[in-house]
């Protein structure tokens, strides 16, 4: 039985595994987030199967037919902690649903559907305080009067003692 499994394992190598696409995981990959307002951090394809190969990341806005692409090279497997862990796909529209997939050679991954984070323009943010409140006006008046009294007292003290 073991000999049959060994022969089958030799005939069916693991590099015929499906091309996979996913976002980086903040808990596993030491990133704060994989989604941004204008892009995604995508996990590189498996380096043991695709290391050093050139590929494309294809993406499109869902509900449109326009497909865009960017070229990349899958990094080789190294134990270097400074090696890139993911591919940054940026210059996307905020708050938009995208379909993203990898293409390496003739292999194409299943699509990953994800949306960028929505962003509000800073001029549209309501800060909740359109004018001064009554308490702020009262405190300002009291402080201004106290300063005037202190200044008058200081000036009169200089004239009396001098």
Protein backbone atom coordinates (compact mmCIF):
# COMPACT_ATOMS: atom_id res chain seq x y z
CA UNK A 1 0.00 0.00 0.00
CA UNK A 2 2.81 2.39 0.86
CA UNK A 3 4.46 1.73 -2.50
CA UNK A 4 1.24 2.63 -4.33
CA UNK A 5 0.96 5.92 -2.41
CA UNK A 6 4.61 6.70 -3.16
CA UNK A 7 4.09 6.11 -6.90
CA UNK A 8 0.90 8.19 -6.95
CA UNK A 9 2.67 10.98 -5.04
CA UNK A 10 5.44 10.99 -7.63
CA UNK A 11 3.02 11.12 -10.55
CA UNK A 12 0.86 13.88 -9.06
CA UNK A 13 3.17 16.60 -7.74
CA UNK A 14 1.81 19.33 -5.49
CA UNK A 15 2.68 22.13 -7.89
CA UNK A 16 -0.54 21.34 -9.76
CA UNK A 17 -2.44 22.81 -6.82
CA UNK A 18 -4.93 25.55 -7.63
CA UNK A 19 -3.70 29.15 -7.75
CA UNK A 20 -5.08 30.85 -4.65
CA UNK A 21 -5.80 34.53 -3.96
CA UNK A 22 -6.63 36.15 -0.63
CA UNK A 23 -6.07 39.29 1.41
CA UNK A 24 -3.34 39.37 4.04
CA UNK A 25 -4.63 38.45 7.48
CA UNK A 26 -3.95 41.08 10.18
CA UNK A 27 -3.63 38.41 12.89
CA UNK A 28 -1.22 36.15 10.99
CA UNK A 29 0.78 38.51 8.78
CA UNK A 30 1.66 41.39 11.15
CA UNK A 31 -0.32 44.01 9.25
CA UNK A 32 -2.87 46.40 10.72
CA UNK A 33 -5.31 45.96 7.86
CA UNK A 34 -5.45 44.51 4.37
CA UNK A 35 -8.14 46.90 3.11
CA UNK A 36 -7.59 50.59 2.48
CA UNK A 37 -9.69 53.37 1.00
CA UNK A 38 -7.78 53.08 -2.27
CA UNK A 39 -6.42 49.53 -2.34
CA UNK A 40 -5.82 46.03 -0.98
CA UNK A 41 -2.88 44.05 0.38
CA UNK A 42 -3.01 40.72 -1.44
CA UNK A 43 -1.15 37.60 -0.33
CA UNK A 44 1.44 36.49 -2.89
CA UNK A 45 0.84 33.10 -4.53
CA UNK A 46 2.64 30.10 -3.04
CA UNK A 47 6.39 30.65 -3.40
CA UNK A 48 7.20 26.92 -3.62
CA UNK A 49 5.04 26.53 -6.72
CA UNK A 50 5.31 29.97 -8.33
CA UNK A 51 8.50 31.54 -6.87
CA UNK A 52 10.34 33.75 -9.36
CA UNK A 53 7.57 33.59 -11.96
CA UNK A 54 5.99 36.66 -13.53
CA UNK A 55 2.26 37.08 -13.19
CA UNK A 56 -0.59 39.53 -13.42
CA UNK A 57 -3.18 40.68 -10.96
CA UNK A 58 -6.39 41.38 -12.85
CA UNK A 59 -9.17 43.45 -11.33
CA UNK A 60 -12.42 45.09 -12.28
CA UNK A 61 -15.21 47.02 -10.66
CA UNK A 62 -18.14 44.68 -10.28
CA UNK A 63 -20.98 45.71 -12.63
CA UNK A 64 -18.53 46.99 -15.26
CA UNK A 65 -16.74 45.22 -18.10
CA UNK A 66 -13.48 47.17 -17.92
CA UNK A 67 -10.66 44.91 -16.72
CA UNK A 68 -7.38 46.39 -15.51
CA UNK A 69 -4.14 44.60 -14.71
CA UNK A 70 -0.78 45.04 -13.04
CA UNK A 71 2.32 42.90 -13.49
CA UNK A 72 4.31 41.44 -10.60
CA UNK A 73 6.91 38.79 -9.85
CA UNK A 74 6.29 36.17 -7.17
CA UNK A 75 9.17 36.36 -4.66
CA UNK A 76 11.27 33.26 -4.08
CA UNK A 77 11.00 31.43 -0.76
CA UNK A 78 13.44 32.91 1.75
CA UNK A 79 13.61 33.04 5.50
CA UNK A 80 14.34 36.77 5.35
CA UNK A 81 11.82 38.69 7.46
CA UNK A 82 12.28 41.76 5.24
CA UNK A 83 10.97 39.92 2.16
CA UNK A 84 7.63 41.26 0.91
CA UNK A 85 4.65 39.29 2.17
CA UNK A 86 2.03 40.81 -0.03
CA UNK A 87 1.26 42.75 -3.15
CA UNK A 88 -0.20 46.24 -2.75
CA UNK A 89 -2.93 46.87 -5.29
CA UNK A 90 -3.67 50.59 -5.07
CA UNK A 91 -5.14 53.55 -6.96
CA UNK A 92 -8.65 52.11 -6.64
CA UNK A 93 -11.90 53.98 -5.97
CA UNK A 94 -13.03 54.20 -2.36
CA UNK A 95 -16.13 52.34 -1.22
CA UNK A 96 -16.25 50.25 -4.42
CA UNK A 97 -16.72 46.49 -4.83
CA UNK A 98 -13.95 44.86 -6.87
CA UNK A 99 -13.34 41.43 -8.31
CA UNK A 100 -9.62 40.52 -8.20
CA UNK A 101 -7.77 37.44 -9.47
CA UNK A 102 -4.26 36.24 -10.27
CA UNK A 103 -2.99 34.97 -13.60
CA UNK A 104 0.36 33.17 -13.78
CA UNK A 105 1.11 31.55 -17.10
CA UNK A 106 -2.11 29.86 -18.15
CA UNK A 107 -3.40 29.41 -14.59
CA UNK A 108 -6.08 31.78 -13.32
CA UNK A 109 -7.26 31.89 -9.72
CA UNK A 110 -10.84 32.03 -8.59
CA UNK A 111 -11.99 35.66 -8.19
CA UNK A 112 -11.79 37.42 -4.84
CA UNK A 113 -14.66 39.87 -4.33
CA UNK A 114 -13.87 42.62 -1.84
CA UNK A 115 -14.66 46.29 -1.39
CA UNK A 116 -12.42 49.19 -0.53
CA UNK A 117 -13.18 51.19 2.60
CA UNK A 118 -15.59 54.12 2.25
CA UNK A 119 -14.16 57.54 3.08
CA UNK A 120 -15.97 60.78 3.92
CA UNK A 121 -14.53 64.07 2.67
CA UNK A 122 -13.16 66.14 5.52
CA UNK A 123 -15.36 69.09 4.56
CA UNK A 124 -18.48 66.95 5.03
CA UNK A 125 -17.64 65.84 8.58
CA UNK A 126 -19.93 67.41 11.19
CA UNK A 127 -17.84 68.40 14.21
CA UNK A 128 -20.98 68.96 16.30
CA UNK A 129 -19.99 72.44 17.57
CA UNK A 130 -21.12 75.12 15.13
CA UNK A 131 -20.66 78.06 17.58
CA UNK A 132 -19.68 78.86 21.15
CA UNK A 133 -21.92 77.55 23.87
CA UNK A 134 -23.28 79.81 26.63
CA UNK A 135 -20.88 78.35 29.21
CA UNK A 136 -17.88 79.18 27.02
CA UNK A 137 -19.06 82.80 26.70
CA UNK A 138 -19.50 83.15 30.49
CA UNK A 139 -16.05 81.70 31.23
CA UNK A 140 -14.43 83.98 28.63
CA UNK A 141 -16.08 87.09 30.12
CA UNK A 142 -15.07 86.16 33.70
CA UNK A 143 -11.46 85.53 32.66
CA UNK A 144 -11.29 88.79 30.71
CA UNK A 145 -12.64 90.78 33.72
CA UNK A 146 -10.23 89.03 36.10
CA UNK A 147 -7.31 89.90 33.83
CA UNK A 148 -8.41 93.56 33.67
CA UNK A 149 -8.71 93.76 37.49
CA UNK A 150 -5.26 92.16 37.94
CA UNK A 151 -3.70 94.53 35.41
CA UNK A 152 -5.31 97.61 37.06
CA UNK A 153 -4.12 96.41 40.48
CA UNK A 154 -0.57 95.88 39.22
CA UNK A 155 -0.43 99.36 37.66
CA UNK A 156 -1.83 101.06 40.80
CA UNK A 157 0.64 99.12 42.99
CA UNK A 158 3.57 100.38 40.90
CA UNK A 159 2.40 104.04 41.25
CA UNK A 160 1.70 103.78 45.01
CA UNK A 161 5.01 102.11 45.90
CA UNK A 162 7.16 104.20 43.61
